[in-house]
Amino acid sequence: MTSPVREVPAAPSDLALQHFSRRLMFETDCSDVHASQAAGDADFVLVDVRGPLAYERGHVPGAINLPTRTLTAQALAAYSKATLFVVYCAGPHCNGANKAAVRLATLGYPVKEMIGGVMGWLDEGFRLTGSVERVAEKVISCDC
């Protein structure tokens, strides 16, 4: 009897290597962002793509707030086309970071998504910066 895990066979190793290597070109995680910040090696611009209210309530330290709808060539004119943007939203239940990544890539910027977003950041035990007492429902909201 085959387990549900094995009902669909795993990909051959060479295909798995290609797949997972490619994913790393598009994603980073909260731990890597945090480690880069802690080491002073943050060679990227961290962008919270939620709306201003959600950002103000609580955001990843060092992040700037550029809601997806504001990502225009004019708004990004001060950034070199070589600038790596790392975008995040509320969490895996929200596709706001994906929408922002599409917009940034369309504008010609390199971009990665910080998988997990605010929820992932909190799950890792990292603190947010913001003005409101940390009530998960309020901090993690997405108005992007």
N, C-alpha and C. Protein backbone atom coordinates (compact mmCIF):
# COMPACT_ATOMS: atom_id res chain seq x y z
N MET A 1 0.85 -1.18 0.00
CA MET A 1 0.00 0.00 0.00
C MET A 1 0.89 1.25 0.00
N THR A 2 0.57 2.21 -0.85
CA THR A 2 1.35 3.43 -0.99
C THR A 2 0.74 4.54 -0.13
N SER A 3 1.60 5.28 0.53
CA SER A 3 1.12 6.40 1.35
C SER A 3 0.66 7.54 0.45
N PRO A 4 -0.17 8.43 0.97
CA PRO A 4 -0.58 9.60 0.18
C PRO A 4 0.61 10.43 -0.29
N VAL A 5 1.69 10.43 0.46
CA VAL A 5 2.88 11.19 0.08
C VAL A 5 3.48 10.63 -1.21
N ARG A 6 3.43 9.33 -1.37
CA ARG A 6 4.05 8.69 -2.53
C ARG A 6 3.08 8.42 -3.68
N GLU A 7 1.81 8.81 -3.54
CA GLU A 7 0.86 8.59 -4.64
C GLU A 7 1.34 9.23 -5.92
N VAL A 8 1.90 10.41 -5.82
CA VAL A 8 2.56 11.05 -6.95
C VAL A 8 4.05 10.91 -6.68
N PRO A 9 4.77 10.25 -7.56
CA PRO A 9 6.20 10.04 -7.32
C PRO A 9 6.98 11.35 -7.23
N ALA A 10 8.02 11.33 -6.45
CA ALA A 10 8.91 12.50 -6.35
C ALA A 10 9.61 12.70 -7.68
N ALA A 11 9.96 13.93 -7.97
CA ALA A 11 10.68 14.25 -9.20
C ALA A 11 12.08 13.65 -9.13
N PRO A 12 12.64 13.35 -10.27
CA PRO A 12 14.04 12.92 -10.26
C PRO A 12 14.93 14.02 -9.66
N SER A 13 16.03 13.62 -9.09
CA SER A 13 16.91 14.55 -8.38
C SER A 13 17.32 15.75 -9.22
N ASP A 14 17.61 15.53 -10.51
CA ASP A 14 18.05 16.65 -11.34
C ASP A 14 16.94 17.69 -11.51
N LEU A 15 15.69 17.23 -11.64
CA LEU A 15 14.56 18.17 -11.74
C LEU A 15 14.30 18.86 -10.40
N ALA A 16 14.43 18.11 -9.30
CA ALA A 16 14.25 18.71 -7.98
C ALA A 16 15.30 19.79 -7.74
N LEU A 17 16.53 19.52 -8.14
CA LEU A 17 17.60 20.51 -7.99
C LEU A 17 17.27 21.78 -8.76
N GLN A 18 16.82 21.65 -9.99
CA GLN A 18 16.46 22.82 -10.79
C GLN A 18 15.30 23.60 -10.16
N HIS A 19 14.29 22.87 -9.74
CA HIS A 19 13.09 23.51 -9.16
C HIS A 19 13.43 24.29 -7.89
N PHE A 20 14.09 23.63 -6.95
CA PHE A 20 14.35 24.29 -5.67
C PHE A 20 15.41 25.38 -5.79
N SER A 21 16.35 25.19 -6.69
CA SER A 21 17.33 26.26 -6.93
C SER A 21 16.65 27.49 -7.52
N ARG A 22 15.74 27.29 -8.42
CA ARG A 22 15.02 28.42 -9.02
C ARG A 22 14.17 29.14 -7.98
N ARG A 23 13.54 28.40 -7.10
CA ARG A 23 12.72 29.05 -6.07
C ARG A 23 13.54 30.02 -5.25
N LEU A 24 14.79 29.65 -4.96
CA LEU A 24 15.65 30.53 -4.16
C LEU A 24 15.99 31.82 -4.89
N MET A 25 15.85 31.85 -6.21
CA MET A 25 16.09 33.08 -6.96
C MET A 25 14.92 34.06 -6.76
N PHE A 26 13.77 33.56 -6.35
CA PHE A 26 12.58 34.37 -6.21
C PHE A 26 12.18 34.64 -4.76
N GLU A 27 12.72 33.86 -3.83
CA GLU A 27 12.30 33.94 -2.44
C GLU A 27 13.49 34.06 -1.50
N THR A 28 13.21 34.68 -0.37
CA THR A 28 14.10 34.63 0.77
C THR A 28 13.20 34.41 1.97
N ASP A 29 13.76 34.17 3.13
CA ASP A 29 12.89 33.98 4.29
C ASP A 29 13.20 34.99 5.38
N CYS A 30 12.37 34.97 6.39
CA CYS A 30 12.50 35.94 7.48
C CYS A 30 13.83 35.81 8.20
N SER A 31 14.30 34.59 8.39
CA SER A 31 15.57 34.39 9.09
C SER A 31 16.73 34.99 8.32
N ASP A 32 16.73 34.84 6.99
CA ASP A 32 17.82 35.41 6.19
C ASP A 32 17.77 36.93 6.19
N VAL A 33 16.57 37.50 6.13
CA VAL A 33 16.43 38.96 6.20
C VAL A 33 16.93 39.45 7.56
N HIS A 34 16.49 38.80 8.62
CA HIS A 34 16.90 39.19 9.97
C HIS A 34 18.41 39.07 10.14
N ALA A 35 18.99 37.97 9.67
CA ALA A 35 20.44 37.77 9.80
C ALA A 35 21.20 38.83 9.01
N SER A 36 20.72 39.18 7.84
CA SER A 36 21.36 40.23 7.03
C SER A 36 21.33 41.56 7.76
N GLN A 37 20.18 41.88 8.34
CA GLN A 37 20.04 43.13 9.08
C GLN A 37 20.96 43.13 10.30
N ALA A 38 20.98 42.04 11.05
CA ALA A 38 21.78 41.96 12.27
C ALA A 38 23.27 42.08 11.98
N ALA A 39 23.68 41.55 10.83
CA ALA A 39 25.10 41.60 10.46
C ALA A 39 25.48 42.90 9.76
N GLY A 40 24.49 43.75 9.49
CA GLY A 40 24.74 44.98 8.76
C GLY A 40 24.98 44.73 7.28
N ASP A 41 24.50 43.60 6.79
CA ASP A 41 24.69 43.21 5.38
C ASP A 41 23.42 43.34 4.56
N ALA A 42 22.53 44.20 4.94
CA ALA A 42 21.26 44.34 4.22
C ALA A 42 21.52 45.09 2.91
N ASP A 43 21.84 44.34 1.88
CA ASP A 43 22.14 44.91 0.56
C ASP A 43 20.90 44.89 -0.33
N PHE A 44 19.78 45.22 0.26
CA PHE A 44 18.49 45.21 -0.41
C PHE A 44 17.60 46.25 0.26
N VAL A 45 16.52 46.58 -0.40
CA VAL A 45 15.52 47.47 0.18
C VAL A 45 14.33 46.60 0.58
N LEU A 46 14.02 46.57 1.86
CA LEU A 46 12.91 45.78 2.38
C LEU A 46 11.64 46.62 2.29
N VAL A 47 10.62 46.08 1.63
CA VAL A 47 9.41 46.84 1.35
C VAL A 47 8.18 46.12 1.90
N ASP A 48 7.48 46.80 2.78
CA ASP A 48 6.18 46.36 3.27
C ASP A 48 5.15 46.91 2.29
N VAL A 49 4.44 46.03 1.60
CA VAL A 49 3.53 46.47 0.54
C VAL A 49 2.09 46.63 1.03
N ARG A 50 1.87 46.48 2.33
CA ARG A 50 0.52 46.69 2.88
C ARG A 50 0.22 48.19 2.90
N GLY A 51 -0.99 48.52 3.23
CA GLY A 51 -1.37 49.92 3.32
C GLY A 51 -0.73 50.60 4.51
N PRO A 52 -0.78 51.94 4.53
CA PRO A 52 -0.14 52.72 5.59
C PRO A 52 -0.61 52.39 7.01
N LEU A 53 -1.88 52.11 7.19
CA LEU A 53 -2.40 51.82 8.53
C LEU A 53 -1.82 50.51 9.06
N ALA A 54 -1.82 49.47 8.23
CA ALA A 54 -1.25 48.19 8.66
C ALA A 54 0.24 48.35 8.94
N TYR A 55 0.93 49.09 8.09
CA TYR A 55 2.37 49.34 8.29
C TYR A 55 2.61 50.05 9.62
N GLU A 56 1.83 51.07 9.91
CA GLU A 56 2.01 51.84 11.13
C GLU A 56 1.74 50.99 12.37
N ARG A 57 0.79 50.09 12.27
CA ARG A 57 0.46 49.23 13.41
C ARG A 57 1.61 48.30 13.76
N GLY A 58 2.34 47.84 12.76
CA GLY A 58 3.46 46.96 13.03
C GLY A 58 4.10 46.48 11.75
N HIS A 59 5.41 46.69 11.62
CA HIS A 59 6.14 46.28 10.43
C HIS A 59 7.52 45.77 10.81
N VAL A 60 8.15 45.10 9.88
CA VAL A 60 9.50 44.59 10.09
C VAL A 60 10.45 45.77 10.21
N PRO A 61 11.29 45.80 11.23
CA PRO A 61 12.24 46.91 11.36
C PRO A 61 13.07 47.08 10.09
N GLY A 62 13.26 48.32 9.70
CA GLY A 62 14.05 48.62 8.51
C GLY A 62 13.26 48.65 7.22
N ALA A 63 12.00 48.22 7.27
CA ALA A 63 11.18 48.20 6.06
C ALA A 63 10.63 49.59 5.77
N ILE A 64 10.52 49.88 4.47
CA ILE A 64 9.82 51.09 4.06
C ILE A 64 8.44 50.67 3.59
N ASN A 65 7.52 51.60 3.59
CA ASN A 65 6.15 51.31 3.19
C ASN A 65 5.89 51.84 1.79
N LEU A 66 5.73 50.92 0.86
CA LEU A 66 5.35 51.25 -0.52
C LEU A 66 4.22 50.31 -0.91
N PRO A 67 2.96 50.70 -0.63
CA PRO A 67 1.85 49.84 -1.02
C PRO A 67 1.91 49.54 -2.52
N THR A 68 1.49 48.36 -2.87
CA THR A 68 1.58 47.90 -4.26
C THR A 68 1.06 48.93 -5.24
N ARG A 69 -0.06 49.54 -4.94
CA ARG A 69 -0.66 50.50 -5.88
C ARG A 69 0.22 51.73 -6.12
N THR A 70 1.21 51.95 -5.23
CA THR A 70 2.08 53.13 -5.38
C THR A 70 3.38 52.81 -6.09
N LEU A 71 3.59 51.57 -6.46
CA LEU A 71 4.84 51.17 -7.12
C LEU A 71 4.80 51.57 -8.59
N THR A 72 5.28 52.77 -8.84
CA THR A 72 5.31 53.30 -10.20
C THR A 72 6.74 53.71 -10.54
N ALA A 73 6.99 53.89 -11.81
CA ALA A 73 8.32 54.34 -12.25
C ALA A 73 8.68 55.65 -11.57
N GLN A 74 7.72 56.55 -11.45
CA GLN A 74 7.97 57.84 -10.82
C GLN A 74 8.32 57.67 -9.34
N ALA A 75 7.59 56.83 -8.62
CA ALA A 75 7.84 56.63 -7.20
C ALA A 75 9.20 55.96 -6.94
N LEU A 76 9.67 55.20 -7.92
CA LEU A 76 10.93 54.46 -7.74
C LEU A 76 12.10 55.10 -8.46
N ALA A 77 11.91 56.28 -9.00
CA ALA A 77 12.94 56.93 -9.81
C ALA A 77 14.26 57.13 -9.07
N ALA A 78 14.22 57.24 -7.76
CA ALA A 78 15.44 57.46 -6.98
C ALA A 78 16.28 56.19 -6.83
N TYR A 79 15.71 55.05 -7.19
CA TYR A 79 16.41 53.78 -7.02
C TYR A 79 17.06 53.33 -8.33
N SER A 80 18.29 52.89 -8.24
CA SER A 80 18.99 52.32 -9.38
C SER A 80 18.26 51.06 -9.83
N LYS A 81 18.34 50.75 -11.11
CA LYS A 81 17.72 49.53 -11.63
C LYS A 81 18.40 48.28 -11.10
N ALA A 82 19.54 48.44 -10.45
CA ALA A 82 20.24 47.30 -9.83
C ALA A 82 19.78 47.05 -8.40
N THR A 83 18.93 47.93 -7.86
CA THR A 83 18.46 47.79 -6.48
C THR A 83 17.63 46.53 -6.34
N LEU A 84 18.00 45.69 -5.39
CA LEU A 84 17.20 44.50 -5.09
C LEU A 84 16.14 44.88 -4.07
N PHE A 85 14.90 44.66 -4.43
CA PHE A 85 13.78 44.88 -3.52
C PHE A 85 13.36 43.54 -2.95
N VAL A 86 13.13 43.50 -1.64
CA VAL A 86 12.56 42.33 -0.97
C VAL A 86 11.21 42.77 -0.44
N VAL A 87 10.16 42.15 -0.95
CA VAL A 87 8.80 42.56 -0.62
C VAL A 87 8.14 41.56 0.32
N TYR A 88 7.26 42.08 1.17
CA TYR A 88 6.46 41.20 2.01
C TYR A 88 5.11 41.84 2.25
N CYS A 89 4.18 40.99 2.65
CA CYS A 89 2.82 41.43 2.96
C CYS A 89 2.44 40.80 4.31
N ALA A 90 1.17 40.57 4.52
CA ALA A 90 0.70 40.06 5.80
C ALA A 90 1.17 38.63 6.08
N GLY A 91 1.14 37.78 5.08
CA GLY A 91 1.53 36.39 5.29
C GLY A 91 1.14 35.54 4.12
N PRO A 92 1.22 34.23 4.28
CA PRO A 92 0.96 33.32 3.17
C PRO A 92 -0.49 33.33 2.70
N HIS A 93 -1.38 33.90 3.48
CA HIS A 93 -2.79 33.98 3.09
C HIS A 93 -3.06 35.17 2.16
N CYS A 94 -2.05 35.96 1.87
CA CYS A 94 -2.21 37.19 1.09
C CYS A 94 -1.25 37.16 -0.10
N ASN A 95 -1.73 37.59 -1.27
CA ASN A 95 -0.85 37.61 -2.44
C ASN A 95 -0.36 39.01 -2.77
N GLY A 96 -0.44 39.92 -1.82
CA GLY A 96 0.02 41.29 -2.03
C GLY A 96 1.49 41.37 -2.40
N ALA A 97 2.32 40.54 -1.79
CA ALA A 97 3.75 40.55 -2.12
C ALA A 97 3.98 40.07 -3.54
N ASN A 98 3.20 39.08 -3.97
CA ASN A 98 3.32 38.60 -5.35
C ASN A 98 2.94 39.69 -6.34
N LYS A 99 1.86 40.41 -6.05
CA LYS A 99 1.43 41.50 -6.93
C LYS A 99 2.51 42.59 -7.00
N ALA A 100 3.09 42.91 -5.87
CA ALA A 100 4.15 43.92 -5.83
C ALA A 100 5.38 43.44 -6.59
N ALA A 101 5.71 42.16 -6.45
CA ALA A 101 6.87 41.60 -7.17
C ALA A 101 6.65 41.68 -8.67
N VAL A 102 5.45 41.40 -9.12
CA VAL A 102 5.13 41.50 -10.55
C VAL A 102 5.32 42.94 -11.01
N ARG A 103 4.83 43.88 -10.23
CA ARG A 103 4.95 45.29 -10.61
C ARG A 103 6.41 45.72 -10.66
N LEU A 104 7.20 45.34 -9.65
CA LEU A 104 8.62 45.71 -9.64
C LEU A 104 9.37 45.08 -10.80
N ALA A 105 9.10 43.82 -11.07
CA ALA A 105 9.76 43.14 -12.20
C ALA A 105 9.36 43.79 -13.52
N THR A 106 8.11 44.18 -13.65
CA THR A 106 7.65 44.87 -14.85
C THR A 106 8.39 46.18 -15.05
N LEU A 107 8.73 46.83 -13.94
CA LEU A 107 9.47 48.09 -14.00
C LEU A 107 10.98 47.89 -14.15
N GLY A 108 11.40 46.62 -14.20
CA GLY A 108 12.81 46.32 -14.47
C GLY A 108 13.70 46.17 -13.25
N TYR A 109 13.11 46.00 -12.06
CA TYR A 109 13.90 45.86 -10.84
C TYR A 109 14.02 44.39 -10.43
N PRO A 110 15.18 43.99 -9.90
CA PRO A 110 15.26 42.65 -9.31
C PRO A 110 14.44 42.62 -8.02
N VAL A 111 13.79 41.50 -7.78
CA VAL A 111 12.88 41.42 -6.64
C VAL A 111 12.84 40.00 -6.11
N LYS A 112 12.71 39.90 -4.78
CA LYS A 112 12.46 38.64 -4.11
C LYS A 112 11.32 38.86 -3.12
N GLU A 113 10.62 37.79 -2.82
CA GLU A 113 9.58 37.84 -1.80
C GLU A 113 10.13 37.28 -0.50
N MET A 114 9.86 37.97 0.60
CA MET A 114 10.17 37.42 1.92
C MET A 114 8.99 36.53 2.29
N ILE A 115 9.18 35.22 2.11
CA ILE A 115 8.07 34.30 2.35
C ILE A 115 7.68 34.34 3.82
N GLY A 116 6.40 34.21 4.05
CA GLY A 116 5.86 34.25 5.41
C GLY A 116 5.34 35.61 5.81
N GLY A 117 5.91 36.67 5.26
CA GLY A 117 5.47 38.02 5.56
C GLY A 117 5.50 38.32 7.06
N VAL A 118 4.57 39.15 7.49
CA VAL A 118 4.51 39.54 8.90
C VAL A 118 4.27 38.31 9.78
N MET A 119 3.38 37.40 9.34
CA MET A 119 3.13 36.20 10.14
C MET A 119 4.39 35.38 10.32
N GLY A 120 5.15 35.21 9.25
CA GLY A 120 6.40 34.46 9.32
C GLY A 120 7.40 35.12 10.24
N TRP A 121 7.48 36.45 10.16
CA TRP A 121 8.39 37.21 11.01
C TRP A 121 8.07 36.97 12.48
N LEU A 122 6.79 37.06 12.81
CA LEU A 122 6.36 36.83 14.19
C LEU A 122 6.58 35.38 14.60
N ASP A 123 6.30 34.44 13.69
CA ASP A 123 6.50 33.01 13.99
C ASP A 123 7.96 32.71 14.32
N GLU A 124 8.87 33.44 13.71
CA GLU A 124 10.29 33.25 13.99
C GLU A 124 10.70 33.85 15.34
N GLY A 125 9.79 34.57 15.98
CA GLY A 125 10.08 35.18 17.27
C GLY A 125 10.69 36.57 17.17
N PHE A 126 10.67 37.15 15.98
CA PHE A 126 11.22 38.49 15.79
C PHE A 126 10.15 39.53 16.13
N ARG A 127 10.62 40.70 16.53
CA ARG A 127 9.71 41.79 16.92
C ARG A 127 9.42 42.70 15.74
N LEU A 128 8.26 43.33 15.82
CA LEU A 128 7.87 44.34 14.84
C LEU A 128 8.11 45.72 15.43
N THR A 129 8.14 46.70 14.56
CA THR A 129 8.20 48.10 14.94
C THR A 129 6.85 48.70 14.57
N GLY A 130 6.27 49.49 15.44
CA GLY A 130 4.99 50.12 15.13
C GLY A 130 4.41 50.81 16.33
N SER A 131 3.20 51.32 16.15
CA SER A 131 2.61 52.17 17.19
C SER A 131 1.52 51.50 18.01
N VAL A 132 0.98 50.39 17.55
CA VAL A 132 -0.16 49.79 18.22
C VAL A 132 0.29 48.57 19.01
N GLU A 133 -0.35 48.35 20.15
CA GLU A 133 -0.09 47.15 20.94
C GLU A 133 -0.23 45.93 20.02
N ARG A 134 0.64 44.96 20.18
CA ARG A 134 0.69 43.81 19.28
C ARG A 134 -0.52 42.90 19.42
N VAL A 135 -1.56 43.21 18.71
CA VAL A 135 -2.74 42.35 18.63
C VAL A 135 -2.69 41.74 17.24
N ALA A 136 -2.49 40.45 17.18
CA ALA A 136 -2.20 39.78 15.91
C ALA A 136 -3.20 40.14 14.81
N GLU A 137 -4.47 40.18 15.11
CA GLU A 137 -5.45 40.45 14.06
C GLU A 137 -5.25 41.83 13.45
N LYS A 138 -4.81 42.79 14.24
CA LYS A 138 -4.63 44.14 13.76
C LYS A 138 -3.30 44.30 13.02
N VAL A 139 -2.27 43.71 13.53
CA VAL A 139 -0.93 43.86 12.95
C VAL A 139 -0.85 43.15 11.61
N ILE A 140 -1.46 42.00 11.49
CA ILE A 140 -1.29 41.17 10.31
C ILE A 140 -2.28 41.51 9.19
N SER A 141 -3.16 42.42 9.42
CA SER A 141 -4.15 42.73 8.40
C SER A 141 -3.46 43.19 7.10
N CYS A 142 -4.18 42.97 6.03
CA CYS A 142 -3.65 43.36 4.71
C CYS A 142 -4.66 44.25 4.04
N ASP A 143 -4.26 45.45 3.77
CA ASP A 143 -5.12 46.36 3.02
C ASP A 143 -4.41 46.79 1.74
N CYS A 144 -3.76 45.81 1.13
CA CYS A 144 -3.00 46.10 -0.08
C CYS A 144 -3.86 45.87 -1.32
